[in-house]
Amino acid sequence: EAQQGRRFLLQGGDCAESLSDCRPDIITNRQKIILQMSLV
């Protein structure tokens, strides 16, 4: 559907995840910015 212009893809995140980033605060903040950008 995005190929037809009916949806839009927002793809984003870290250049490289690290094992030490598997923490609730970091994961939550990643989700939060994707969510907010998508709503805008």
PDB file of all heavy atoms in Angstrom:
ATOM      1  N   GLU A   1       0.828  -1.209   0.000  1.00  0.00           N
ATOM      2  CA  GLU A   1       0.000   0.000   0.000  1.00  0.00           C
ATOM      3  C   GLU A   1       0.866   1.263   0.000  1.00  0.00           C
ATOM      4  O   GLU A   1       0.514   2.269  -0.627  1.00  0.00           O
ATOM      5  CB  GLU A   1      -0.934  -0.009   1.205  1.00  0.00           C
ATOM      6  CG  GLU A   1      -1.974  -1.120   1.150  1.00  0.00           C
ATOM      7  CD  GLU A   1      -2.921  -1.088   2.338  1.00  0.00           C
ATOM      8  OE1 GLU A   1      -2.891  -0.090   3.103  1.00  0.00           O
ATOM      9  OE2 GLU A   1      -3.690  -2.051   2.507  1.00  0.00           O
ATOM     10  N   ALA A   2       2.009   1.210   0.692  1.00  0.00           N
ATOM     11  CA  ALA A   2       2.914   2.361   0.680  1.00  0.00           C
ATOM     12  C   ALA A   2       3.478   2.594  -0.718  1.00  0.00           C
ATOM     13  O   ALA A   2       3.715   3.734  -1.118  1.00  0.00           O
ATOM     14  CB  ALA A   2       4.040   2.145   1.689  1.00  0.00           C
ATOM     15  N   GLN A   3       3.690   1.518  -1.485  1.00  0.00           N
ATOM     16  CA  GLN A   3       4.155   1.665  -2.867  1.00  0.00           C
ATOM     17  C   GLN A   3       3.170   2.467  -3.706  1.00  0.00           C
ATOM     18  O   GLN A   3       3.563   3.155  -4.653  1.00  0.00           O
ATOM     19  CB  GLN A   3       4.354   0.284  -3.507  1.00  0.00           C
ATOM     20  CG  GLN A   3       5.559  -0.470  -2.982  1.00  0.00           C
ATOM     21  CD  GLN A   3       5.664  -1.870  -3.561  1.00  0.00           C
ATOM     22  OE1 GLN A   3       4.717  -2.370  -4.179  1.00  0.00           O
ATOM     23  NE2 GLN A   3       6.800  -2.515  -3.347  1.00  0.00           N
ATOM     24  N   GLN A   4       1.920   2.403  -3.352  1.00  0.00           N
ATOM     25  CA  GLN A   4       0.873   3.119  -4.085  1.00  0.00           C
ATOM     26  C   GLN A   4       0.620   4.514  -3.513  1.00  0.00           C
ATOM     27  O   GLN A   4      -0.281   5.218  -3.972  1.00  0.00           O
ATOM     28  CB  GLN A   4      -0.426   2.314  -4.040  1.00  0.00           C
ATOM     29  CG  GLN A   4      -0.305   0.915  -4.621  1.00  0.00           C
ATOM     30  CD  GLN A   4      -1.516   0.041  -4.276  1.00  0.00           C
ATOM     31  OE1 GLN A   4      -2.459   0.506  -3.637  1.00  0.00           O
ATOM     32  NE2 GLN A   4      -1.471  -1.208  -4.696  1.00  0.00           N
ATOM     33  N   GLY A   5       1.401   4.916  -2.515  1.00  0.00           N
ATOM     34  CA  GLY A   5       1.225   6.221  -1.902  1.00  0.00           C
ATOM     35  C   GLY A   5       0.122   6.284  -0.872  1.00  0.00           C
ATOM     36  O   GLY A   5      -0.252   7.373  -0.429  1.00  0.00           O
ATOM     37  N   ARG A   6      -0.393   5.130  -0.456  1.00  0.00           N
ATOM     38  CA  ARG A   6      -1.512   5.104   0.491  1.00  0.00           C
ATOM     39  C   ARG A   6      -1.065   4.954   1.934  1.00  0.00           C
ATOM     40  O   ARG A   6      -1.868   5.105   2.860  1.00  0.00           O
ATOM     41  CB  ARG A   6      -2.463   3.970   0.110  1.00  0.00           C
ATOM     42  CG  ARG A   6      -3.149   4.195  -1.253  1.00  0.00           C
ATOM     43  CD  ARG A   6      -3.814   2.940  -1.776  1.00  0.00           C
ATOM     44  NE  ARG A   6      -4.629   2.310  -0.755  1.00  0.00           N
ATOM     45  CZ  ARG A   6      -4.819   0.994  -0.663  1.00  0.00           C
ATOM     46  NH1 ARG A   6      -4.217   0.171  -1.517  1.00  0.00           N
ATOM     47  NH2 ARG A   6      -5.577   0.496   0.274  1.00  0.00           N
ATOM     48  N   ARG A   7       0.189   4.643   2.167  1.00  0.00           N
ATOM     49  CA  ARG A   7       0.782   4.609   3.499  1.00  0.00           C
ATOM     50  C   ARG A   7       2.180   5.201   3.405  1.00  0.00           C
ATOM     51  O   ARG A   7       2.708   5.422   2.322  1.00  0.00           O
ATOM     52  CB  ARG A   7       0.847   3.179   4.055  1.00  0.00           C
ATOM     53  CG  ARG A   7      -0.499   2.578   4.376  1.00  0.00           C
ATOM     54  CD  ARG A   7      -0.358   1.183   4.991  1.00  0.00           C
ATOM     55  NE  ARG A   7      -1.666   0.597   5.220  1.00  0.00           N
ATOM     56  CZ  ARG A   7      -2.368   0.719   6.344  1.00  0.00           C
ATOM     57  NH1 ARG A   7      -1.857   1.408   7.351  1.00  0.00           N
ATOM     58  NH2 ARG A   7      -3.553   0.172   6.473  1.00  0.00           N
ATOM     59  N   PHE A   8       2.804   5.415   4.570  1.00  0.00           N
ATOM     60  CA  PHE A   8       4.146   5.970   4.616  1.00  0.00           C
ATOM     61  C   PHE A   8       4.952   5.189   5.645  1.00  0.00           C
ATOM     62  O   PHE A   8       4.471   4.903   6.743  1.00  0.00           O
ATOM     63  CB  PHE A   8       4.094   7.451   5.000  1.00  0.00           C
ATOM     64  CG  PHE A   8       5.385   8.191   4.752  1.00  0.00           C
ATOM     65  CD1 PHE A   8       5.729   8.616   3.482  1.00  0.00           C
ATOM     66  CD2 PHE A   8       6.256   8.467   5.803  1.00  0.00           C
ATOM     67  CE1 PHE A   8       6.917   9.302   3.252  1.00  0.00           C
ATOM     68  CE2 PHE A   8       7.433   9.146   5.589  1.00  0.00           C
ATOM     69  CZ  PHE A   8       7.777   9.575   4.303  1.00  0.00           C
ATOM     70  N   LEU A   9       6.187   4.825   5.272  1.00  0.00           N
ATOM     71  CA  LEU A   9       7.055   4.040   6.143  1.00  0.00           C
ATOM     72  C   LEU A   9       7.967   4.960   6.940  1.00  0.00           C
ATOM     73  O   LEU A   9       8.689   5.783   6.365  1.00  0.00           O
ATOM     74  CB  LEU A   9       7.894   3.072   5.311  1.00  0.00           C
ATOM     75  CG  LEU A   9       9.013   2.319   6.050  1.00  0.00           C
ATOM     76  CD1 LEU A   9       8.419   1.336   7.055  1.00  0.00           C
ATOM     77  CD2 LEU A   9       9.926   1.604   5.067  1.00  0.00           C
ATOM     78  N   LEU A  10       7.951   4.806   8.243  1.00  0.00           N
ATOM     79  CA  LEU A  10       8.912   5.473   9.127  1.00  0.00           C
ATOM     80  C   LEU A  10       9.789   4.394   9.736  1.00  0.00           C
ATOM     81  O   LEU A  10       9.329   3.589  10.544  1.00  0.00           O
ATOM     82  CB  LEU A  10       8.190   6.258  10.230  1.00  0.00           C
ATOM     83  CG  LEU A  10       9.102   6.840  11.316  1.00  0.00           C
ATOM     84  CD1 LEU A  10      10.089   7.851  10.724  1.00  0.00           C
ATOM     85  CD2 LEU A  10       8.271   7.481  12.431  1.00  0.00           C
ATOM     86  N   GLN A  11      11.055   4.369   9.323  1.00  0.00           N
ATOM     87  CA  GLN A  11      12.004   3.365   9.792  1.00  0.00           C
ATOM     88  C   GLN A  11      13.128   4.090  10.515  1.00  0.00           C
ATOM     89  O   GLN A  11      13.746   5.005   9.962  1.00  0.00           O
ATOM     90  CB  GLN A  11      12.550   2.580   8.592  1.00  0.00           C
ATOM     91  CG  GLN A  11      13.442   1.400   8.959  1.00  0.00           C
ATOM     92  CD  GLN A  11      13.830   0.590   7.731  1.00  0.00           C
ATOM     93  OE1 GLN A  11      13.524   0.976   6.608  1.00  0.00           O
ATOM     94  NE2 GLN A  11      14.496  -0.519   7.933  1.00  0.00           N
ATOM     95  N   GLY A  12      13.390   3.704  11.756  1.00  0.00           N
ATOM     96  CA  GLY A  12      14.417   4.432  12.487  1.00  0.00           C
ATOM     97  C   GLY A  12      14.881   3.703  13.723  1.00  0.00           C
ATOM     98  O   GLY A  12      14.217   2.809  14.252  1.00  0.00           O
ATOM     99  N   GLY A  13      16.047   4.110  14.182  1.00  0.00           N
ATOM    100  CA  GLY A  13      16.618   3.543  15.394  1.00  0.00           C
ATOM    101  C   GLY A  13      18.118   3.706  15.399  1.00  0.00           C
ATOM    102  O   GLY A  13      18.694   4.467  14.625  1.00  0.00           O
ATOM    103  N   ASP A  14      18.751   2.965  16.279  1.00  0.00           N
ATOM    104  CA  ASP A  14      20.192   3.092  16.477  1.00  0.00           C
ATOM    105  C   ASP A  14      20.995   2.629  15.284  1.00  0.00           C
ATOM    106  O   ASP A  14      20.596   1.707  14.565  1.00  0.00           O
ATOM    107  CB  ASP A  14      20.622   2.284  17.702  1.00  0.00           C
ATOM    108  CG  ASP A  14      20.683   3.138  18.953  1.00  0.00           C
ATOM    109  OD1 ASP A  14      21.203   4.258  18.864  1.00  0.00           O
ATOM    110  OD2 ASP A  14      20.208   2.689  20.003  1.00  0.00           O
ATOM    111  N   CYS A  15      22.180   3.247  15.108  1.00  0.00           N
ATOM    112  CA  CYS A  15      23.090   2.778  14.064  1.00  0.00           C
ATOM    113  C   CYS A  15      23.554   1.374  14.407  1.00  0.00           C
ATOM    114  O   CYS A  15      23.645   0.513  13.532  1.00  0.00           O
ATOM    115  CB  CYS A  15      24.280   3.721  13.929  1.00  0.00           C
ATOM    116  SG  CYS A  15      25.295   3.852  15.401  1.00  0.00           S
ATOM    117  N   ALA A  16      23.852   1.127  15.677  1.00  0.00           N
ATOM    118  CA  ALA A  16      24.256  -0.212  16.120  1.00  0.00           C
ATOM    119  C   ALA A  16      23.765  -0.408  17.548  1.00  0.00           C
ATOM    120  O   ALA A  16      24.134   0.355  18.438  1.00  0.00           O
ATOM    121  CB  ALA A  16      25.769  -0.377  16.055  1.00  0.00           C
ATOM    122  N   GLU A  17      22.936  -1.405  17.754  1.00  0.00           N
ATOM    123  CA  GLU A  17      22.513  -1.744  19.105  1.00  0.00           C
ATOM    124  C   GLU A  17      23.669  -2.400  19.861  1.00  0.00           C
ATOM    125  O   GLU A  17      24.519  -3.064  19.268  1.00  0.00           O
ATOM    126  CB  GLU A  17      21.356  -2.737  19.082  1.00  0.00           C
ATOM    127  CG  GLU A  17      20.038  -2.182  18.619  1.00  0.00           C
ATOM    128  CD  GLU A  17      18.967  -3.263  18.628  1.00  0.00           C
ATOM    129  OE1 GLU A  17      18.846  -3.965  17.616  1.00  0.00           O
ATOM    130  OE2 GLU A  17      18.277  -3.383  19.642  1.00  0.00           O
ATOM    131  N   SER A  18      23.680  -2.233  21.147  1.00  0.00           N
ATOM    132  CA  SER A  18      24.640  -2.953  21.979  1.00  0.00           C
ATOM    133  C   SER A  18      23.869  -3.810  22.973  1.00  0.00           C
ATOM    134  O   SER A  18      22.718  -3.519  23.320  1.00  0.00           O
ATOM    135  CB  SER A  18      25.567  -1.989  22.718  1.00  0.00           C
ATOM    136  OG  SER A  18      24.874  -1.300  23.742  1.00  0.00           O
ATOM    137  N   LEU A  19      24.503  -4.876  23.431  1.00  0.00           N
ATOM    138  CA  LEU A  19      23.851  -5.743  24.413  1.00  0.00           C
ATOM    139  C   LEU A  19      23.523  -4.977  25.688  1.00  0.00           C
ATOM    140  O   LEU A  19      22.512  -5.247  26.341  1.00  0.00           O
ATOM    141  CB  LEU A  19      24.757  -6.934  24.725  1.00  0.00           C
ATOM    142  CG  LEU A  19      25.085  -7.857  23.539  1.00  0.00           C
ATOM    143  CD1 LEU A  19      25.986  -9.004  23.992  1.00  0.00           C
ATOM    144  CD2 LEU A  19      23.815  -8.410  22.912  1.00  0.00           C
ATOM    145  N   SER A  20      24.344  -3.993  26.025  1.00  0.00           N
ATOM    146  CA  SER A  20      24.110  -3.228  27.255  1.00  0.00           C
ATOM    147  C   SER A  20      22.915  -2.300  27.140  1.00  0.00           C
ATOM    148  O   SER A  20      22.432  -1.770  28.142  1.00  0.00           O
ATOM    149  CB  SER A  20      25.360  -2.420  27.608  1.00  0.00           C
ATOM    150  OG  SER A  20      25.674  -1.506  26.577  1.00  0.00           O
ATOM    151  N   ASP A  21      22.410  -2.078  25.911  1.00  0.00           N
ATOM    152  CA  ASP A  21      21.245  -1.216  25.711  1.00  0.00           C
ATOM    153  C   ASP A  21      19.924  -1.945  25.935  1.00  0.00           C
ATOM    154  O   ASP A  21      18.856  -1.341  25.768  1.00  0.00           O
ATOM    155  CB  ASP A  21      21.246  -0.633  24.295  1.00  0.00           C
ATOM    156  CG  ASP A  21      22.243   0.500  24.143  1.00  0.00           C
ATOM    157  OD1 ASP A  21      22.740   0.983  25.175  1.00  0.00           O
ATOM    158  OD2 ASP A  21      22.524   0.894  22.999  1.00  0.00           O
ATOM    159  N   CYS A  22      19.975  -3.208  26.274  1.00  0.00           N
ATOM    160  CA  CYS A  22      18.743  -3.963  26.526  1.00  0.00           C
ATOM    161  C   CYS A  22      18.235  -3.612  27.929  1.00  0.00           C
ATOM    162  O   CYS A  22      18.306  -4.403  28.868  1.00  0.00           O
ATOM    163  CB  CYS A  22      19.008  -5.464  26.388  1.00  0.00           C
ATOM    164  SG  CYS A  22      17.519  -6.478  26.447  1.00  0.00           S
ATOM    165  N   ARG A  23      17.743  -2.362  28.037  1.00  0.00           N
ATOM    166  CA  ARG A  23      17.242  -1.817  29.303  1.00  0.00           C
ATOM    167  C   ARG A  23      15.899  -1.168  29.055  1.00  0.00           C
ATOM    168  O   ARG A  23      15.670  -0.594  27.980  1.00  0.00           O
ATOM    169  CB  ARG A  23      18.225  -0.776  29.849  1.00  0.00           C
ATOM    170  CG  ARG A  23      19.549  -1.341  30.285  1.00  0.00           C
ATOM    171  CD  ARG A  23      20.599  -0.258  30.485  1.00  0.00           C
ATOM    172  NE  ARG A  23      20.058   1.045  30.860  1.00  0.00           N
ATOM    173  CZ  ARG A  23      20.760   2.176  30.799  1.00  0.00           C
ATOM    174  NH1 ARG A  23      21.992   2.164  30.346  1.00  0.00           N
ATOM    175  NH2 ARG A  23      20.220   3.320  31.163  1.00  0.00           N
ATOM    176  N   PRO A  24      14.995  -1.233  30.031  1.00  0.00           N
ATOM    177  CA  PRO A  24      13.644  -0.707  29.792  1.00  0.00           C
ATOM    178  C   PRO A  24      13.613   0.769  29.440  1.00  0.00           C
ATOM    179  O   PRO A  24      12.824   1.194  28.595  1.00  0.00           O
ATOM    180  CB  PRO A  24      12.899  -1.001  31.098  1.00  0.00           C
ATOM    181  CG  PRO A  24      13.961  -1.280  32.109  1.00  0.00           C
ATOM    182  CD  PRO A  24      15.111  -1.857  31.361  1.00  0.00           C
ATOM    183  N   ASP A  25      14.469   1.590  30.066  1.00  0.00           N
ATOM    184  CA  ASP A  25      14.419   3.024  29.780  1.00  0.00           C
ATOM    185  C   ASP A  25      14.874   3.330  28.357  1.00  0.00           C
ATOM    186  O   ASP A  25      14.265   4.143  27.655  1.00  0.00           O
ATOM    187  CB  ASP A  25      15.264   3.798  30.798  1.00  0.00           C
ATOM    188  CG  ASP A  25      16.709   3.310  30.873  1.00  0.00           C
ATOM    189  OD1 ASP A  25      16.954   2.124  30.563  1.00  0.00           O
ATOM    190  OD2 ASP A  25      17.590   4.109  31.254  1.00  0.00           O
ATOM    191  N   ILE A  26      15.921   2.661  27.904  1.00  0.00           N
ATOM    192  CA  ILE A  26      16.422   2.910  26.546  1.00  0.00           C
ATOM    193  C   ILE A  26      15.433   2.411  25.511  1.00  0.00           C
ATOM    194  O   ILE A  26      15.136   3.098  24.521  1.00  0.00           O
ATOM    195  CB  ILE A  26      17.801   2.244  26.358  1.00  0.00           C
ATOM    196  CG1 ILE A  26      18.844   2.976  27.217  1.00  0.00           C
ATOM    197  CG2 ILE A  26      18.214   2.238  24.893  1.00  0.00           C
ATOM    198  CD1 ILE A  26      20.227   2.373  27.150  1.00  0.00           C
ATOM    199  N   ILE A  27      14.879   1.223  25.729  1.00  0.00           N
ATOM    200  CA  ILE A  27      13.895   0.679  24.783  1.00  0.00           C
ATOM    201  C   ILE A  27      12.653   1.565  24.735  1.00  0.00           C
ATOM    202  O   ILE A  27      12.117   1.860  23.663  1.00  0.00           O
ATOM    203  CB  ILE A  27      13.527  -0.765  25.155  1.00  0.00           C
ATOM    204  CG1 ILE A  27      14.757  -1.676  25.057  1.00  0.00           C
ATOM    205  CG2 ILE A  27      12.410  -1.297  24.253  1.00  0.00           C
ATOM    206  CD1 ILE A  27      14.554  -3.055  25.648  1.00  0.00           C
ATOM    207  N   THR A  28      12.204   2.021  25.893  1.00  0.00           N
ATOM    208  CA  THR A  28      11.021   2.880  25.951  1.00  0.00           C
ATOM    209  C   THR A  28      11.261   4.180  25.187  1.00  0.00           C
ATOM    210  O   THR A  28      10.395   4.643  24.429  1.00  0.00           O
ATOM    211  CB  THR A  28      10.657   3.188  27.405  1.00  0.00           C
ATOM    212  OG1 THR A  28      10.365   1.969  28.094  1.00  0.00           O
ATOM    213  CG2 THR A  28       9.434   4.093  27.481  1.00  0.00           C
ATOM    214  N   ASN A  29      12.432   4.780  25.375  1.00  0.00           N
ATOM    215  CA  ASN A  29      12.721   6.033  24.680  1.00  0.00           C
ATOM    216  C   ASN A  29      12.796   5.837  23.170  1.00  0.00           C
ATOM    217  O   ASN A  29      12.398   6.718  22.399  1.00  0.00           O
ATOM    218  CB  ASN A  29      14.029   6.632  25.193  1.00  0.00           C
ATOM    219  CG  ASN A  29      13.854   7.289  26.556  1.00  0.00           C
ATOM    220  OD1 ASN A  29      12.740   7.614  26.951  1.00  0.00           O
ATOM    221  ND2 ASN A  29      14.938   7.478  27.272  1.00  0.00           N
ATOM    222  N   ARG A  30      13.299   4.695  22.724  1.00  0.00           N
ATOM    223  CA  ARG A  30      13.322   4.416  21.282  1.00  0.00           C
ATOM    224  C   ARG A  30      11.907   4.326  20.735  1.00  0.00           C
ATOM    225  O   ARG A  30      11.595   4.857  19.657  1.00  0.00           O
ATOM    226  CB  ARG A  30      14.063   3.106  21.014  1.00  0.00           C
ATOM    227  CG  ARG A  30      15.571   3.185  21.156  1.00  0.00           C
ATOM    228  CD  ARG A  30      16.180   1.814  21.040  1.00  0.00           C
ATOM    229  NE  ARG A  30      17.634   1.840  21.177  1.00  0.00           N
ATOM    230  CZ  ARG A  30      18.371   0.765  21.417  1.00  0.00           C
ATOM    231  NH1 ARG A  30      17.793  -0.414  21.565  1.00  0.00           N
ATOM    232  NH2 ARG A  30      19.687   0.867  21.513  1.00  0.00           N
ATOM    233  N   GLN A  31      11.060   3.630  21.458  1.00  0.00           N
ATOM    234  CA  GLN A  31       9.666   3.506  21.004  1.00  0.00           C
ATOM    235  C   GLN A  31       8.950   4.842  21.041  1.00  0.00           C
ATOM    236  O   GLN A  31       8.151   5.162  20.152  1.00  0.00           O
ATOM    237  CB  GLN A  31       8.928   2.489  21.887  1.00  0.00           C
ATOM    238  CG  GLN A  31       9.489   1.086  21.845  1.00  0.00           C
ATOM    239  CD  GLN A  31       9.475   0.542  20.438  1.00  0.00           C
ATOM    240  OE1 GLN A  31      10.469   0.640  19.722  1.00  0.00           O
ATOM    241  NE2 GLN A  31       8.360  -0.005  20.026  1.00  0.00           N
ATOM    242  N   LYS A  32       9.250   5.615  22.070  1.00  0.00           N
ATOM    243  CA  LYS A  32       8.581   6.894  22.248  1.00  0.00           C
ATOM    244  C   LYS A  32       8.830   7.839  21.077  1.00  0.00           C
ATOM    245  O   LYS A  32       7.895   8.451  20.546  1.00  0.00           O
ATOM    246  CB  LYS A  32       9.086   7.512  23.552  1.00  0.00           C
ATOM    247  CG  LYS A  32       8.836   9.001  23.756  1.00  0.00           C
ATOM    248  CD  LYS A  32       9.463   9.390  25.081  1.00  0.00           C
ATOM    249  CE  LYS A  32       9.825  10.850  25.130  1.00  0.00           C
ATOM    250  NZ  LYS A  32      10.486  11.221  26.384  1.00  0.00           N
ATOM    251  N   ILE A  33      10.084   7.942  20.606  1.00  0.00           N
ATOM    252  CA  ILE A  33      10.361   8.888  19.535  1.00  0.00           C
ATOM    253  C   ILE A  33       9.755   8.407  18.213  1.00  0.00           C
ATOM    254  O   ILE A  33       9.240   9.209  17.435  1.00  0.00           O
ATOM    255  CB  ILE A  33      11.879   9.171  19.414  1.00  0.00           C
ATOM    256  CG1 ILE A  33      12.136  10.259  18.381  1.00  0.00           C
ATOM    257  CG2 ILE A  33      12.660   7.921  19.068  1.00  0.00           C
ATOM    258  CD1 ILE A  33      11.431  11.567  18.660  1.00  0.00           C
ATOM    259  N   ILE A  34       9.778   7.098  17.955  1.00  0.00           N
ATOM    260  CA  ILE A  34       9.139   6.583  16.737  1.00  0.00           C
ATOM    261  C   ILE A  34       7.641   6.858  16.775  1.00  0.00           C
ATOM    262  O   ILE A  34       7.028   7.263  15.775  1.00  0.00           O
ATOM    263  CB  ILE A  34       9.415   5.079  16.570  1.00  0.00           C
ATOM    264  CG1 ILE A  34      10.909   4.816  16.333  1.00  0.00           C
ATOM    265  CG2 ILE A  34       8.593   4.506  15.418  1.00  0.00           C
ATOM    266  CD1 ILE A  34      11.433   5.325  15.021  1.00  0.00           C
ATOM    267  N   LEU A  35       7.024   6.633  17.933  1.00  0.00           N
ATOM    268  CA  LEU A  35       5.594   6.895  18.089  1.00  0.00           C
ATOM    269  C   LEU A  35       5.270   8.353  17.825  1.00  0.00           C
ATOM    270  O   LEU A  35       4.375   8.687  17.043  1.00  0.00           O
ATOM    271  CB  LEU A  35       5.147   6.511  19.502  1.00  0.00           C
ATOM    272  CG  LEU A  35       3.803   7.087  19.950  1.00  0.00           C
ATOM    273  CD1 LEU A  35       2.666   6.461  19.159  1.00  0.00           C
ATOM    274  CD2 LEU A  35       3.610   6.903  21.441  1.00  0.00           C
ATOM    275  N   GLN A  36       6.014   9.245  18.464  1.00  0.00           N
ATOM    276  CA  GLN A  36       5.707  10.664  18.335  1.00  0.00           C
ATOM    277  C   GLN A  36       5.928  11.146  16.903  1.00  0.00           C
ATOM    278  O   GLN A  36       5.121  11.907  16.362  1.00  0.00           O
ATOM    279  CB  GLN A  36       6.559  11.459  19.317  1.00  0.00           C
ATOM    280  CG  GLN A  36       6.177  11.198  20.763  1.00  0.00           C
ATOM    281  CD  GLN A  36       6.959  12.053  21.737  1.00  0.00           C
ATOM    282  OE1 GLN A  36       7.928  12.701  21.373  1.00  0.00           O
ATOM    283  NE2 GLN A  36       6.542  12.058  22.992  1.00  0.00           N
ATOM    284  N   MET A  37       7.012  10.710  16.293  1.00  0.00           N
ATOM    285  CA  MET A  37       7.251  11.097  14.903  1.00  0.00           C
ATOM    286  C   MET A  37       6.134  10.597  13.997  1.00  0.00           C
ATOM    287  O   MET A  37       5.677  11.317  13.095  1.00  0.00           O
ATOM    288  CB  MET A  37       8.600  10.536  14.432  1.00  0.00           C
ATOM    289  CG  MET A  37       9.811  11.160  15.080  1.00  0.00           C
ATOM    290  SD  MET A  37      11.355  10.396  14.511  1.00  0.00           S
ATOM    291  CE  MET A  37      11.485  11.067  12.844  1.00  0.00           C
ATOM    292  N   SER A  38       5.679   9.381  14.232  1.00  0.00           N
ATOM    293  CA  SER A  38       4.634   8.819  13.372  1.00  0.00           C
ATOM    294  C   SER A  38       3.330   9.606  13.498  1.00  0.00           C
ATOM    295  O   SER A  38       2.637   9.823  12.506  1.00  0.00           O
ATOM    296  CB  SER A  38       4.408   7.344  13.706  1.00  0.00           C
ATOM    297  OG  SER A  38       3.780   7.167  14.959  1.00  0.00           O
ATOM    298  N   LEU A  39       2.987  10.057  14.701  1.00  0.00           N
ATOM    299  CA  LEU A  39       1.755  10.826  14.876  1.00  0.00           C
ATOM    300  C   LEU A  39       1.834  12.169  14.153  1.00  0.00           C
ATOM    301  O   LEU A  39       0.858  12.619  13.544  1.00  0.00           O
ATOM    302  CB  LEU A  39       1.483  11.043  16.368  1.00  0.00           C
ATOM    303  CG  LEU A  39       1.061   9.790  17.153  1.00  0.00           C
ATOM    304  CD1 LEU A  39       0.970  10.099  18.632  1.00  0.00           C
ATOM    305  CD2 LEU A  39      -0.267   9.259  16.638  1.00  0.00           C
ATOM    306  N   VAL A  40       2.997  12.804  14.206  1.00  0.00           N
ATOM    307  CA  VAL A  40       3.174  14.064  13.476  1.00  0.00           C
ATOM    308  C   VAL A  40       3.055  13.833  11.969  1.00  0.00           C
ATOM    309  O   VAL A  40       2.410  14.605  11.253  1.00  0.00           O
ATOM    310  CB  VAL A  40       4.535  14.695  13.832  1.00  0.00           C
ATOM    311  CG1 VAL A  40       4.801  15.918  12.951  1.00  0.00           C
ATOM    312  CG2 VAL A  40       4.570  15.099  15.306  1.00  0.00           C
TER     313      VAL A  40
END
